[in-house]
Protein backbone atom coordinates (compact mmCIF):
# COMPACT_ATOMS: atom_id res chain seq x y z
CA MET A 1 86.76 119.23 129.03
CA LYS A 2 83.70 119.71 126.72
CA SER A 3 82.58 116.60 124.89
CA ARG A 4 80.88 116.24 121.60
CA THR A 5 78.77 113.27 120.44
CA PHE A 6 79.24 111.93 116.92
CA THR A 7 76.84 109.72 114.90
CA ARG A 8 78.06 106.78 112.82
CA ARG A 9 77.62 108.99 109.63
CA THR A 10 79.79 111.79 111.00
CA PHE A 11 82.41 109.24 112.16
CA LEU A 12 82.63 107.68 108.75
CA THR A 13 82.80 111.03 107.08
CA SER A 14 85.69 112.11 109.42
CA THR A 15 87.42 108.79 108.58
CA ALA A 16 87.18 109.55 104.84
CA GLY A 17 88.58 113.03 105.21
CA VAL A 18 91.70 111.85 107.15
CA LEU A 19 92.36 109.13 104.54
CA ALA A 20 92.17 111.59 101.78
CA SER A 21 94.73 113.85 103.56
CA LEU A 22 97.35 111.03 103.52
CA ALA A 23 98.40 111.85 99.98
CA LEU A 24 101.10 114.33 100.93
CA PRO A 25 104.30 115.52 99.10
CA ALA A 26 106.99 112.96 98.79
CA HIS A 27 109.75 112.91 101.42
CA THR A 28 113.22 113.71 100.08
CA TYR A 29 116.19 111.41 100.50
CA SER A 30 119.67 111.22 99.19
CA SER A 31 121.33 108.46 97.35
CA PRO A 32 125.21 108.17 97.33
CA GLY A 33 126.93 110.73 95.16
CA LEU A 34 129.28 108.47 93.01
CA GLY A 35 131.74 109.01 90.24
CA ASN A 36 130.83 109.11 86.64
CA THR A 37 132.39 105.84 85.55
CA THR A 38 129.77 103.35 84.22
CA LEU A 39 130.70 99.68 83.45
CA SER A 40 128.23 97.29 81.84
CA THR A 41 128.12 93.64 82.55
CA ASP A 42 126.32 91.00 80.49
CA GLN A 43 125.53 87.33 80.58
CA ASN A 44 127.73 86.00 77.85
CA ALA A 45 129.70 83.85 80.21
CA SER A 46 128.32 81.04 82.32
CA GLN A 47 126.66 81.86 85.62
CA ASP A 48 129.76 80.98 87.71
CA LYS A 49 132.15 83.05 85.48
CA PHE A 50 129.52 85.90 85.55
CA ILE A 51 129.59 86.20 89.31
CA VAL A 52 133.47 86.20 89.32
CA LYS A 53 133.41 88.94 86.68
CA LEU A 54 130.79 90.97 88.49
CA GLN A 55 132.75 90.81 91.78
CA LYS A 56 136.02 91.90 90.05
CA ASN A 57 134.10 94.84 88.54
CA ILE A 58 132.80 95.90 91.95
CA ASP A 59 136.19 95.54 93.48
CA MET A 60 137.72 97.66 90.66
CA MET A 61 135.07 100.35 91.13
CA ASP A 62 135.90 100.47 94.88
CA ALA A 63 139.61 100.90 94.14
CA ARG A 64 138.82 103.71 91.72
CA GLY A 65 136.77 105.49 94.39
CA GLY A 66 133.30 104.55 93.18
CA GLY A 67 131.17 104.21 90.13
CA THR A 68 128.15 102.54 88.72
CA ILE A 69 127.66 99.00 87.33
CA GLU A 70 124.65 98.44 85.14
CA LEU A 71 123.32 94.98 84.78
CA ASP A 72 121.55 93.98 81.61
CA ALA A 73 117.92 92.63 81.87
CA GLY A 74 117.73 89.01 82.64
CA GLU A 75 118.09 86.38 85.41
CA TYR A 76 121.34 85.89 87.29
CA ARG A 77 121.67 82.83 89.56
CA LEU A 78 124.28 83.64 92.16
CA SER A 79 126.21 80.59 93.53
CA ALA A 80 128.37 82.81 95.64
CA LEU A 81 127.80 85.83 97.87
CA LEU A 82 128.08 89.18 96.11
CA ILE A 83 130.09 91.72 98.18
CA VAL A 84 129.23 95.35 97.23
CA ARG A 85 131.85 97.84 98.46
CA SER A 86 132.18 101.59 99.11
CA GLY A 87 131.16 104.03 96.54
CA VAL A 88 129.53 101.48 94.26
CA THR A 89 126.05 101.61 92.76
CA LEU A 90 124.77 98.33 91.42
CA SER A 91 121.88 99.13 89.22
CA GLY A 92 119.52 96.97 87.12
CA SER A 93 116.51 97.45 84.96
CA GLY A 94 114.63 94.24 84.63
CA SER A 95 117.52 92.40 86.31
CA THR A 96 116.76 89.52 88.64
CA LEU A 97 119.24 88.10 91.25
CA ILE A 98 118.30 84.52 92.17
CA ALA A 99 119.68 82.53 95.06
CA ASN A 100 121.32 79.43 93.53
CA GLN A 101 120.68 76.05 95.12
CA ASN A 102 124.38 75.74 95.93
CA ASN A 103 124.53 79.06 97.75
CA THR A 104 124.36 78.41 101.53
CA HIS A 105 125.65 81.68 102.60
CA ASP A 106 123.78 83.98 105.08
CA PRO A 107 123.02 86.46 103.45
CA LEU A 108 122.21 84.62 100.42
CA LEU A 109 122.72 87.39 97.76
CA ILE A 110 124.31 90.61 98.82
CA SER A 111 126.57 91.73 101.58
CA VAL A 112 127.89 95.24 102.35
CA PRO A 113 131.00 94.83 104.67
CA PRO A 114 131.87 96.86 107.75
CA GLY A 115 133.25 100.31 107.06
CA SER A 116 131.53 100.60 103.71
CA ARG A 117 130.18 104.00 102.77
CA ASN A 118 127.88 105.33 99.98
CA VAL A 119 126.53 102.18 98.44
CA CYS A 120 123.38 102.01 96.48
CA LEU A 121 121.46 98.92 95.21
CA ARG A 122 118.93 100.11 92.66
CA GLY A 123 116.13 98.50 90.66
CA LEU A 124 117.15 94.97 91.57
CA ARG A 125 114.69 92.03 91.83
CA MET A 126 115.97 89.68 94.43
CA VAL A 127 114.50 86.18 94.57
CA GLY A 128 114.97 83.29 96.89
CA SER A 129 114.75 80.18 94.71
CA ASP A 130 111.95 77.55 95.31
CA TYR A 131 114.48 74.91 96.39
CA ASN A 132 116.65 77.09 98.63
CA ARG A 133 115.04 76.47 102.03
CA VAL A 134 117.76 77.81 104.33
CA PHE A 135 116.35 80.43 106.69
CA ALA A 136 118.92 82.97 105.59
CA SER A 137 118.34 86.60 104.82
CA MET A 138 118.83 88.01 101.28
CA ALA A 139 120.96 91.18 101.83
CA LEU A 140 122.97 92.42 104.88
CA ALA A 141 124.82 95.67 105.57
CA TYR A 142 126.82 95.72 108.72
CA LYS A 143 128.43 98.86 110.35
CA ALA A 144 128.11 100.77 107.23
CA PHE A 145 127.20 104.34 106.38
CA ASN A 146 124.77 105.71 103.81
CA ILE A 147 123.53 102.38 102.30
CA VAL A 148 120.38 102.63 100.23
CA PHE A 149 118.22 100.02 98.67
CA ASP A 150 116.31 101.96 96.07
CA ARG A 151 113.42 100.39 94.04
CA CYS A 152 114.33 96.89 94.85
CA SER A 153 111.84 93.97 94.95
CA PRO A 154 112.76 91.14 97.42
CA ILE A 155 110.53 88.12 96.75
CA ASN A 156 110.29 84.59 98.43
CA ALA A 157 112.76 85.19 101.27
CA MET A 158 112.61 82.45 103.85
CA GLY A 159 114.52 84.67 106.35
CA ILE A 160 114.87 88.48 106.54
CA ALA A 161 114.89 90.18 103.28
CA ILE A 162 117.17 93.25 104.22
CA GLN A 163 119.10 93.71 107.35
CA LEU A 164 120.75 96.96 108.42
CA ALA A 165 122.94 96.18 111.44
CA GLN A 166 124.63 98.97 113.26
CA CYS A 167 124.32 101.29 110.13
CA GLU A 168 123.93 104.98 110.01
CA GLU A 169 121.88 107.11 107.57
CA SER A 170 120.88 104.00 105.71
CA GLY A 171 117.46 102.62 104.54
CA VAL A 172 115.13 101.31 102.01
CA VAL A 173 113.03 103.32 99.64
CA LYS A 174 110.31 102.70 97.05
CA SER A 175 110.86 98.96 97.26
CA ASP A 176 108.32 96.13 96.92
CA PHE A 177 108.39 93.13 99.28
CA GLU A 178 106.41 90.01 98.79
CA ASN A 179 106.40 86.70 100.59
CA CYS A 180 109.36 87.39 102.86
CA GLY A 181 110.25 86.03 106.29
CA VAL A 182 108.01 83.05 105.66
CA ALA A 183 110.24 80.23 106.90
CA HIS A 184 107.46 79.24 109.28
CA LEU A 185 105.35 78.11 106.28
CA ILE A 186 107.87 75.40 105.68
CA SER A 187 108.90 74.42 109.22
CA GLY A 188 105.47 74.81 110.78
CA ASN A 189 107.05 76.73 113.73
CA PRO A 190 105.63 80.17 114.26
CA LYS A 191 109.01 81.13 115.85
CA ASP A 192 110.53 80.95 112.36
CA ARG A 193 108.67 83.99 111.15
CA LYS A 194 111.05 86.80 110.15
CA GLN A 195 111.00 90.46 109.17
CA ALA A 196 111.12 92.04 105.73
CA ILE A 197 113.37 94.88 106.91
CA ALA A 198 115.30 94.62 110.14
CA ILE A 199 117.19 97.73 111.33
CA TYR A 200 118.94 97.03 114.62
CA GLY A 201 122.01 97.52 116.76
CA ASN A 202 122.97 101.02 117.95
CA GLY A 203 122.30 102.83 114.64
CA ARG A 204 121.11 106.25 113.82
CA GLY A 205 119.37 108.12 110.95
CA ASN A 206 117.96 105.11 109.38
CA PHE A 207 114.75 104.99 107.35
CA ALA A 208 112.08 102.99 105.43
CA LEU A 209 110.11 105.14 102.96
CA ASP A 210 107.40 104.62 100.27
CA CYS A 211 107.72 100.79 100.34
CA ARG A 212 105.01 98.17 99.77
CA PHE A 213 104.72 94.93 101.66
CA ARG A 214 102.53 91.86 101.16
CA ARG A 215 102.54 88.51 102.89
CA ILE A 216 105.36 89.00 105.43
CA GLY A 217 106.06 86.46 108.12
CA LEU A 218 106.70 88.85 111.08
CA ASP A 219 107.19 92.56 111.10
CA CYS A 220 107.38 94.39 107.73
CA ILE A 221 109.59 96.99 109.34
CA SER A 222 111.48 96.37 112.64
CA ALA A 223 113.74 98.91 114.37
CA THR A 224 115.58 98.16 117.56
CA GLU A 225 118.23 100.13 119.55
CA GLN A 226 118.10 103.11 117.18
CA MET A 227 118.14 106.85 117.22
CA ASN A 228 116.40 109.16 114.77
CA VAL A 229 114.38 106.75 112.76
CA CYS A 230 111.89 107.61 110.07
CA ILE A 231 109.23 105.15 108.79
CA SER A 232 106.84 106.91 106.42
CA ARG A 233 104.34 106.25 103.59
CA ASN A 234 104.67 102.55 103.54
CA GLU A 235 101.80 100.30 102.46
CA ILE A 236 101.40 97.14 104.32
CA ASP A 237 98.98 94.26 103.55
CA GLU A 238 98.66 90.66 104.77
CA THR A 239 101.23 90.16 107.39
CA TYR A 240 101.29 86.97 109.54
CA ALA A 241 101.97 88.92 112.77
CA GLY A 242 102.79 92.64 113.43
CA SER A 243 103.54 95.24 110.85
CA ILE A 244 105.74 98.09 112.11
CA TYR A 245 107.66 97.31 115.31
CA LEU A 246 109.94 99.80 117.33
CA SER A 247 111.77 98.74 120.50
CA ARG A 248 114.41 100.87 122.42
CA VAL A 249 114.08 103.66 119.77
CA HIS A 250 114.78 107.32 120.61
CA ASP A 251 113.65 110.29 118.37
CA PHE A 252 111.38 108.73 115.74
CA THR A 253 108.64 109.43 113.32
CA VAL A 254 106.02 106.87 112.15
CA GLU A 255 103.72 108.62 109.84
CA GLU A 256 101.40 108.33 106.87
CA ASN A 257 101.59 104.50 106.70
CA ARG A 258 98.68 102.28 105.59
CA VAL A 259 98.56 99.15 107.62
CA SER A 260 95.82 96.58 107.00
CA ASN A 261 94.80 92.90 107.07
CA GLY A 262 97.27 91.62 109.78
CA THR A 263 96.69 88.22 111.32
CA ASP A 264 97.76 86.04 114.22
CA GLY A 265 97.11 88.63 116.98
CA GLY A 266 99.56 91.27 115.78
CA ASN A 267 99.19 95.00 116.19
CA GLY A 268 99.41 97.37 113.25
CA ILE A 269 102.10 99.49 114.90
CA ASP A 270 103.95 98.31 117.97
CA CYS A 271 106.09 100.74 120.06
CA ILE A 272 107.76 99.32 123.14
CA ASN A 273 110.27 101.18 125.35
CA VAL A 274 110.51 104.17 122.95
CA SER A 275 110.92 107.88 123.62
CA ASP A 276 110.63 111.30 122.04
CA GLY A 277 108.60 110.29 118.96
CA LYS A 278 105.49 110.90 116.94
CA ILE A 279 103.06 108.42 115.49
CA SER A 280 100.80 110.48 113.11
CA LYS A 281 98.43 110.18 110.12
CA ASN A 282 98.57 106.42 109.87
CA TRP A 283 95.78 104.24 108.73
CA CYS A 284 95.50 101.02 110.66
CA SER A 285 92.59 98.71 109.66
CA ARG A 286 91.62 95.03 110.12
CA ASN A 287 94.69 93.96 112.00
CA GLY A 288 94.84 90.89 114.20
CA ALA A 289 94.88 92.75 117.51
CA GLY A 290 95.20 96.55 118.16
CA GLY A 291 95.63 99.29 115.56
CA ILE A 292 98.43 101.14 117.55
CA MET A 293 100.06 99.89 120.74
CA VAL A 294 102.45 101.98 122.90
CA ALA A 295 104.12 100.38 125.95
CA ASP A 296 106.47 101.51 128.68
CA SER A 297 107.51 104.61 126.73
CA GLU A 298 107.68 108.39 127.30
CA ASN A 299 107.24 111.60 125.41
CA VAL A 300 105.17 110.21 122.48
CA GLU A 301 102.62 111.99 120.45
CA ILE A 302 99.78 109.94 118.85
CA LEU A 303 98.11 112.33 116.40
CA GLU A 304 95.46 112.19 113.65
CA ASN A 305 95.56 108.46 113.17
CA VAL A 306 92.70 106.38 111.81
CA CYS A 307 92.23 102.98 113.51
CA ARG A 308 89.12 101.04 112.31
CA ASP A 309 87.94 97.52 112.53
CA ASN A 310 90.96 95.95 114.23
CA TRP A 311 90.86 92.86 116.44
CA GLN A 312 89.92 90.41 113.84
CA GLY A 313 88.77 87.63 116.07
CA HIS A 314 92.22 86.54 117.63
CA LYS A 315 92.76 86.21 121.33
CA SER A 316 95.03 89.15 122.28
CA LEU A 317 95.43 91.47 125.25
CA HIS A 318 95.80 94.39 122.80
CA ASN A 319 92.37 94.65 121.24
CA GLY A 320 90.94 97.65 119.66
CA GLY A 321 92.05 101.09 118.11
CA ILE A 322 94.88 102.44 120.38
CA VAL A 323 96.11 100.52 123.34
CA LEU A 324 98.22 102.13 126.08
CA VAL A 325 100.28 99.60 128.07
CA SER A 326 102.25 100.10 131.25
CA THR A 327 104.01 97.15 132.94
CA ARG A 328 106.52 99.63 134.57
CA GLU A 329 105.73 103.25 133.35
CA LEU A 330 104.04 105.01 130.63
CA LYS A 331 104.78 108.72 130.76
CA ASN A 332 103.84 111.94 128.94
CA ILE A 333 101.65 110.44 126.13
CA HIS A 334 99.56 112.83 124.10
CA LEU A 335 96.55 111.73 121.96
CA ALA A 336 94.81 114.23 119.62
CA GLY A 337 92.79 114.09 116.48
CA ASN A 338 92.64 110.21 116.32
CA ILE A 339 89.60 108.49 114.87
CA CYS A 340 89.21 105.07 116.44
CA GLY A 341 86.32 102.74 115.62
CA ASP A 342 86.36 99.06 116.23
CA THR A 343 83.02 97.81 115.07
CA ARG A 344 83.25 94.08 115.24
CA ARG A 345 80.66 92.43 117.45
CA GLY A 346 81.11 89.16 119.21
CA LYS A 347 80.96 87.41 122.59
CA ASP A 348 83.86 89.43 123.96
CA VAL A 349 82.43 92.91 123.34
CA THR A 350 84.21 94.32 126.37
CA GLN A 351 87.41 93.90 124.47
CA HIS A 352 86.52 96.25 121.63
CA PHE A 353 88.32 99.28 122.80
CA ALA A 354 88.39 102.59 121.00
CA ILE A 355 91.33 103.57 123.22
CA GLY A 356 92.16 100.98 125.91
CA ARG A 357 94.72 100.37 128.57
CA TYR A 358 96.43 97.22 129.88
CA GLY A 359 98.95 96.68 132.64
CA ASN A 360 99.24 97.73 136.17
CA GLY A 361 102.25 99.91 135.89
CA VAL A 362 102.50 103.68 136.42
CA TYR A 363 100.45 105.91 134.05
CA SER A 364 101.81 109.51 134.28
CA ASP A 365 100.66 112.52 132.30
CA ILE A 366 98.42 110.73 129.78
CA ARG A 367 96.52 113.37 127.87
CA ILE A 368 93.50 112.40 125.74
CA ASP A 369 92.41 115.51 123.87
CA SER A 370 88.76 116.26 123.12
CA SER A 371 89.56 116.24 119.42
CA ASN A 372 89.66 112.42 119.36
CA GLN A 373 86.61 110.71 117.90
CA LEU A 374 86.15 107.36 119.48
CA MET A 375 83.72 104.48 118.86
CA GLY A 376 83.60 101.26 120.78
CA TYR A 377 81.40 99.08 123.09
CA ASP A 378 80.80 99.18 126.82
CA ALA A 379 80.55 96.17 129.13
CA ASN A 380 76.89 95.54 128.05
CA GLY A 381 77.65 95.43 124.39
CA HIS A 382 76.15 98.84 123.70
CA GLU A 383 77.76 100.94 120.95
CA HIS A 384 79.12 104.36 121.94
CA LEU A 385 80.13 107.12 119.52
CA ASN A 386 81.72 109.75 121.54
CA ASN A 387 84.96 111.57 122.21
CA VAL A 388 85.33 110.46 125.90
CA PHE A 389 85.59 107.02 127.35
CA GLN A 390 82.47 105.16 128.41
CA ALA A 391 82.20 102.73 131.42
CA GLN A 392 85.31 101.27 132.97
CA GLN A 393 86.90 100.03 129.69
CA PHE A 394 86.91 103.62 128.38
CA LYS A 395 87.95 105.52 131.46
CA ALA A 396 90.20 108.29 130.75
CA ILE A 397 93.63 108.17 132.32
CA GLY A 398 94.94 111.28 134.10
């Protein structure tokens, strides 16, 4: 394999070029096709009467085979759980749903019951009230099909903002999350950190697209026990732990996400026990530990990612740009076209990997292509800009 040596200037130039290429055409997705009946709801009644009226309208739409309910602009404090049923689109423009202090349900605001199909929540601002300190989620869809949260804005959720449990072809698009999953800020217990979006439990075809996240307690997007998952073009900033987390996921795409400013030792992208997937064209910068970590997985392509200035001073085993981990077996992993530069200096310079490995399991068919541009430090603290590993910490595998 022929190697080329890069200067700092060419390294930074290459980084800028990849960043510019992230602006790609929008991914297409389908929202439920519903009937043409529209029913408007206002706030003329008291809040308690309003929630009763709104639930009746949803039930009526369900009985009719579907329709759209438009909420007028304004704030609606929900003292009871709102159940959104099959075929219903609940749409708002300037509409805010607030968890009332008397509401102790989990979830607090919205539930999509088992067996529901073709539900869309669109344009809703969902707020956990200041005095509601239960660690409940905001919205839950369970064993449902084609459930879409479109242009929603969950804010101040102590627990998980949106849960998709055992759902199919469901997801969140173009939504803004802020200050979600932050129960630990009240309890003081790091174990109380929660996700913004949690997709779990034998689902398939689910997605998180074009969303923005800021100040999230645990993972912004978590997918476990899933097939055919797409996580694309999300912007993530200031998380208290990891950012994108996949575990026991088969057939997945994680691409064109911008992940930055993570804390508390979290990786930008975590993939554990995954298979048949692609991690490509992501930008991971200034995360608490590694930029991208892949562990005990097989048949994964890691292509054209930029991982710069990760490991922000926290003690972690996964420090650097891309970290490959095997506690049992890591098999058939292909790295090409990645730009990895972790330029922090400190006492533990041996931990600043461009591409590193951790664990004493089996490493089988790990291919690190010559197109990778890598920058890191050797055991003596000397900087290397090269596309091959230097010293023991940079030893190519296989």
